[in-house]
Amino acid sequence: MKDFAVYTLARIGLFVASFAVIAGVWALVTRSTSVPWLWPLLLAAVVSALASYHWLRGPRERFAARVDERATNMARRFDEVRAREDQGER
């Protein structure tokens, strides 16, 4: 669960930081105090996705390894229970 929280918070942080930078640059370039939400939001989504692909590789791989470990353990337990049930039927 910790790996999930770390990765998720890092992704959210990257998105918020990307949005703040893009909205700030937008405001400076247009010299306007009102920044439209849609375009900076979409650009921030793209920028943060690309950045997280490179910068968050470690947390993402740790999270994926943990999910894989849990899935493997659950499959092993399921197979053990099924094997015990098969032995009981004979």
N, C-alpha and C. Protein backbone atom coordinates (compact mmCIF):
# COMPACT_ATOMS: atom_id res chain seq x y z
N MET A 1 0.82 -1.19 0.00
CA MET A 1 0.00 0.00 0.00
C MET A 1 0.87 1.26 0.00
N LYS A 2 2.01 1.18 0.66
CA LYS A 2 2.90 2.34 0.72
C LYS A 2 3.41 2.72 -0.66
N ASP A 3 3.78 1.73 -1.45
CA ASP A 3 4.27 2.00 -2.81
C ASP A 3 3.20 2.68 -3.66
N PHE A 4 1.95 2.25 -3.50
CA PHE A 4 0.85 2.86 -4.22
C PHE A 4 0.69 4.32 -3.82
N ALA A 5 0.74 4.59 -2.51
CA ALA A 5 0.57 5.96 -2.02
C ALA A 5 1.71 6.86 -2.49
N VAL A 6 2.93 6.36 -2.44
CA VAL A 6 4.08 7.16 -2.88
C VAL A 6 3.95 7.49 -4.36
N TYR A 7 3.66 6.51 -5.18
CA TYR A 7 3.55 6.73 -6.61
C TYR A 7 2.39 7.67 -6.94
N THR A 8 1.25 7.46 -6.31
CA THR A 8 0.08 8.29 -6.57
C THR A 8 0.33 9.74 -6.15
N LEU A 9 0.90 9.94 -4.98
CA LEU A 9 1.18 11.30 -4.53
C LEU A 9 2.22 11.98 -5.42
N ALA A 10 3.20 11.23 -5.89
CA ALA A 10 4.19 11.80 -6.80
C ALA A 10 3.55 12.20 -8.12
N ARG A 11 2.65 11.37 -8.63
CA ARG A 11 1.95 11.71 -9.88
C ARG A 11 1.10 12.97 -9.71
N ILE A 12 0.38 13.04 -8.60
CA ILE A 12 -0.44 14.23 -8.33
C ILE A 12 0.44 15.46 -8.19
N GLY A 13 1.55 15.32 -7.48
CA GLY A 13 2.47 16.44 -7.31
C GLY A 13 3.03 16.93 -8.64
N LEU A 14 3.40 15.99 -9.51
CA LEU A 14 3.89 16.38 -10.84
C LEU A 14 2.82 17.11 -11.64
N PHE A 15 1.59 16.63 -11.55
CA PHE A 15 0.51 17.27 -12.28
C PHE A 15 0.27 18.69 -11.77
N VAL A 16 0.20 18.85 -10.45
CA VAL A 16 -0.04 20.17 -9.87
C VAL A 16 1.09 21.13 -10.21
N ALA A 17 2.34 20.66 -10.11
CA ALA A 17 3.48 21.50 -10.45
C ALA A 17 3.46 21.88 -11.93
N SER A 18 3.14 20.92 -12.79
CA SER A 18 3.06 21.20 -14.22
C SER A 18 1.97 22.24 -14.50
N PHE A 19 0.83 22.06 -13.87
CA PHE A 19 -0.27 23.00 -14.09
C PHE A 19 0.11 24.41 -13.61
N ALA A 20 0.75 24.49 -12.45
CA ALA A 20 1.13 25.81 -11.92
C ALA A 20 2.12 26.50 -12.86
N VAL A 21 3.10 25.75 -13.35
CA VAL A 21 4.08 26.35 -14.26
C VAL A 21 3.43 26.77 -15.57
N ILE A 22 2.62 25.91 -16.14
CA ILE A 22 1.98 26.22 -17.43
C ILE A 22 1.01 27.39 -17.27
N ALA A 23 0.22 27.40 -16.21
CA ALA A 23 -0.71 28.51 -16.00
C ALA A 23 0.06 29.81 -15.76
N GLY A 24 1.17 29.74 -15.03
CA GLY A 24 1.98 30.93 -14.80
C GLY A 24 2.59 31.47 -16.08
N VAL A 25 3.13 30.59 -16.89
CA VAL A 25 3.70 31.01 -18.17
C VAL A 25 2.60 31.57 -19.06
N TRP A 26 1.44 30.92 -19.08
CA TRP A 26 0.31 31.40 -19.87
C TRP A 26 -0.06 32.83 -19.46
N ALA A 27 -0.13 33.06 -18.14
CA ALA A 27 -0.49 34.38 -17.63
C ALA A 27 0.57 35.42 -18.00
N LEU A 28 1.85 35.03 -17.95
CA LEU A 28 2.91 35.97 -18.31
C LEU A 28 2.91 36.28 -19.80
N VAL A 29 2.70 35.27 -20.61
CA VAL A 29 2.73 35.47 -22.06
C VAL A 29 1.54 36.29 -22.53
N THR A 30 0.37 36.00 -22.00
CA THR A 30 -0.83 36.72 -22.44
C THR A 30 -1.06 38.00 -21.66
N ARG A 31 -0.28 38.22 -20.62
CA ARG A 31 -0.42 39.40 -19.75
C ARG A 31 -1.86 39.55 -19.27
N SER A 32 -2.40 38.43 -18.85
CA SER A 32 -3.78 38.41 -18.39
C SER A 32 -3.83 37.83 -16.99
N THR A 33 -4.76 38.33 -16.18
CA THR A 33 -4.92 37.78 -14.84
C THR A 33 -5.87 36.60 -14.83
N SER A 34 -6.67 36.45 -15.86
CA SER A 34 -7.58 35.30 -15.94
C SER A 34 -7.01 34.29 -16.93
N VAL A 35 -6.72 33.13 -16.42
CA VAL A 35 -6.17 32.05 -17.24
C VAL A 35 -7.28 31.05 -17.51
N PRO A 36 -7.51 30.71 -18.78
CA PRO A 36 -8.52 29.68 -19.06
C PRO A 36 -8.05 28.34 -18.47
N TRP A 37 -8.95 27.53 -18.01
CA TRP A 37 -8.59 26.28 -17.34
C TRP A 37 -8.28 25.13 -18.29
N LEU A 38 -8.98 25.07 -19.40
CA LEU A 38 -8.93 23.88 -20.24
C LEU A 38 -7.54 23.62 -20.83
N TRP A 39 -6.97 24.59 -21.53
CA TRP A 39 -5.69 24.34 -22.20
C TRP A 39 -4.53 24.10 -21.24
N PRO A 40 -4.37 24.90 -20.20
CA PRO A 40 -3.31 24.57 -19.23
C PRO A 40 -3.53 23.21 -18.56
N LEU A 41 -4.80 22.86 -18.34
CA LEU A 41 -5.10 21.56 -17.73
C LEU A 41 -4.69 20.41 -18.65
N LEU A 42 -5.03 20.52 -19.92
CA LEU A 42 -4.66 19.48 -20.88
C LEU A 42 -3.14 19.41 -21.08
N LEU A 43 -2.51 20.57 -21.20
CA LEU A 43 -1.04 20.57 -21.34
C LEU A 43 -0.36 20.00 -20.10
N ALA A 44 -0.88 20.32 -18.93
CA ALA A 44 -0.31 19.79 -17.69
C ALA A 44 -0.46 18.27 -17.63
N ALA A 45 -1.58 17.75 -18.12
CA ALA A 45 -1.77 16.30 -18.14
C ALA A 45 -0.73 15.62 -19.03
N VAL A 46 -0.49 16.20 -20.19
CA VAL A 46 0.50 15.63 -21.12
C VAL A 46 1.91 15.75 -20.55
N VAL A 47 2.26 16.93 -20.05
CA VAL A 47 3.60 17.15 -19.51
C VAL A 47 3.85 16.25 -18.31
N SER A 48 2.89 16.17 -17.40
CA SER A 48 3.10 15.35 -16.20
C SER A 48 3.15 13.86 -16.55
N ALA A 49 2.40 13.43 -17.57
CA ALA A 49 2.47 12.02 -17.99
C ALA A 49 3.85 11.69 -18.54
N LEU A 50 4.37 12.57 -19.38
CA LEU A 50 5.70 12.34 -19.93
C LEU A 50 6.78 12.40 -18.85
N ALA A 51 6.66 13.35 -17.95
CA ALA A 51 7.64 13.48 -16.88
C ALA A 51 7.58 12.28 -15.93
N SER A 52 6.38 11.83 -15.61
CA SER A 52 6.28 10.69 -14.69
C SER A 52 6.79 9.41 -15.31
N TYR A 53 6.68 9.30 -16.62
CA TYR A 53 7.21 8.11 -17.30
C TYR A 53 8.71 7.98 -17.06
N HIS A 54 9.41 9.09 -17.07
CA HIS A 54 10.86 9.05 -16.87
C HIS A 54 11.26 9.18 -15.41
N TRP A 55 10.71 10.14 -14.71
CA TRP A 55 11.16 10.45 -13.36
C TRP A 55 10.62 9.52 -12.30
N LEU A 56 9.50 8.88 -12.54
CA LEU A 56 8.89 8.01 -11.53
C LEU A 56 9.01 6.54 -11.89
N ARG A 57 10.01 6.21 -12.66
CA ARG A 57 10.22 4.82 -13.05
C ARG A 57 10.45 3.92 -11.83
N GLY A 58 11.28 4.37 -10.89
CA GLY A 58 11.58 3.57 -9.70
C GLY A 58 10.34 3.26 -8.88
N PRO A 59 9.59 4.28 -8.45
CA PRO A 59 8.37 3.99 -7.67
C PRO A 59 7.36 3.15 -8.45
N ARG A 60 7.24 3.38 -9.75
CA ARG A 60 6.30 2.60 -10.56
C ARG A 60 6.72 1.14 -10.61
N GLU A 61 8.00 0.87 -10.77
CA GLU A 61 8.48 -0.51 -10.83
C GLU A 61 8.34 -1.20 -9.48
N ARG A 62 8.58 -0.47 -8.38
CA ARG A 62 8.39 -1.06 -7.05
C ARG A 62 6.92 -1.40 -6.82
N PHE A 63 6.04 -0.50 -7.23
CA PHE A 63 4.60 -0.76 -7.09
C PHE A 63 4.18 -1.96 -7.94
N ALA A 64 4.66 -2.03 -9.16
CA ALA A 64 4.32 -3.16 -10.04
C ALA A 64 4.86 -4.47 -9.49
N ALA A 65 6.06 -4.44 -8.93
CA ALA A 65 6.64 -5.65 -8.34
C ALA A 65 5.81 -6.12 -7.15
N ARG A 66 5.34 -5.18 -6.35
CA ARG A 66 4.52 -5.53 -5.19
C ARG A 66 3.18 -6.14 -5.64
N VAL A 67 2.57 -5.57 -6.66
CA VAL A 67 1.31 -6.10 -7.18
C VAL A 67 1.53 -7.51 -7.74
N ASP A 68 2.63 -7.69 -8.47
CA ASP A 68 2.95 -9.00 -9.03
C ASP A 68 3.19 -10.03 -7.93
N GLU A 69 3.89 -9.62 -6.88
CA GLU A 69 4.16 -10.52 -5.75
C GLU A 69 2.85 -10.95 -5.09
N ARG A 70 1.96 -10.00 -4.87
CA ARG A 70 0.67 -10.33 -4.25
C ARG A 70 -0.16 -11.24 -5.15
N ALA A 71 -0.17 -10.99 -6.45
CA ALA A 71 -0.93 -11.83 -7.37
C ALA A 71 -0.36 -13.24 -7.41
N THR A 72 0.96 -13.35 -7.40
CA THR A 72 1.59 -14.67 -7.39
C THR A 72 1.24 -15.44 -6.12
N ASN A 73 1.29 -14.76 -4.98
CA ASN A 73 0.94 -15.41 -3.71
C ASN A 73 -0.52 -15.86 -3.70
N MET A 74 -1.41 -15.02 -4.20
CA MET A 74 -2.82 -15.40 -4.24
C MET A 74 -3.06 -16.58 -5.18
N ALA A 75 -2.39 -16.61 -6.31
CA ALA A 75 -2.53 -17.73 -7.25
C ALA A 75 -2.00 -19.01 -6.63
N ARG A 76 -0.88 -18.90 -5.92
CA ARG A 76 -0.31 -20.08 -5.25
C ARG A 76 -1.27 -20.62 -4.20
N ARG A 77 -1.85 -19.72 -3.38
CA ARG A 77 -2.81 -20.16 -2.37
C ARG A 77 -4.04 -20.78 -3.00
N PHE A 78 -4.51 -20.19 -4.09
CA PHE A 78 -5.68 -20.74 -4.78
C PHE A 78 -5.38 -22.14 -5.28
N ASP A 79 -4.20 -22.33 -5.87
CA ASP A 79 -3.81 -23.66 -6.36
C ASP A 79 -3.70 -24.67 -5.22
N GLU A 80 -3.18 -24.23 -4.06
CA GLU A 80 -3.08 -25.13 -2.91
C GLU A 80 -4.46 -25.56 -2.43
N VAL A 81 -5.39 -24.63 -2.33
CA VAL A 81 -6.75 -24.94 -1.90
C VAL A 81 -7.42 -25.87 -2.90
N ARG A 82 -7.24 -25.61 -4.18
CA ARG A 82 -7.84 -26.47 -5.20
C ARG A 82 -7.24 -27.87 -5.15
N ALA A 83 -5.94 -27.96 -4.92
CA ALA A 83 -5.30 -29.28 -4.83
C ALA A 83 -5.84 -30.05 -3.63
N ARG A 84 -6.04 -29.36 -2.49
CA ARG A 84 -6.60 -30.02 -1.31
C ARG A 84 -8.03 -30.49 -1.57
N GLU A 85 -8.81 -29.66 -2.28
CA GLU A 85 -10.18 -30.07 -2.60
C GLU A 85 -10.19 -31.27 -3.54
N ASP A 86 -9.27 -31.30 -4.50
CA ASP A 86 -9.19 -32.44 -5.43
C ASP A 86 -8.82 -33.71 -4.69
N GLN A 87 -7.93 -33.61 -3.71
CA GLN A 87 -7.54 -34.80 -2.94
C GLN A 87 -8.69 -35.28 -2.08
N GLY A 88 -9.51 -34.36 -1.57
CA GLY A 88 -10.64 -34.73 -0.72
C GLY A 88 -11.75 -35.42 -1.49
N GLU A 89 -11.86 -35.16 -2.79
CA GLU A 89 -12.93 -35.75 -3.59
C GLU A 89 -12.62 -37.19 -3.95
N ARG A 90 -11.40 -37.59 -3.88
CA ARG A 90 -11.04 -38.96 -4.30
C ARG A 90 -11.24 -39.94 -3.21
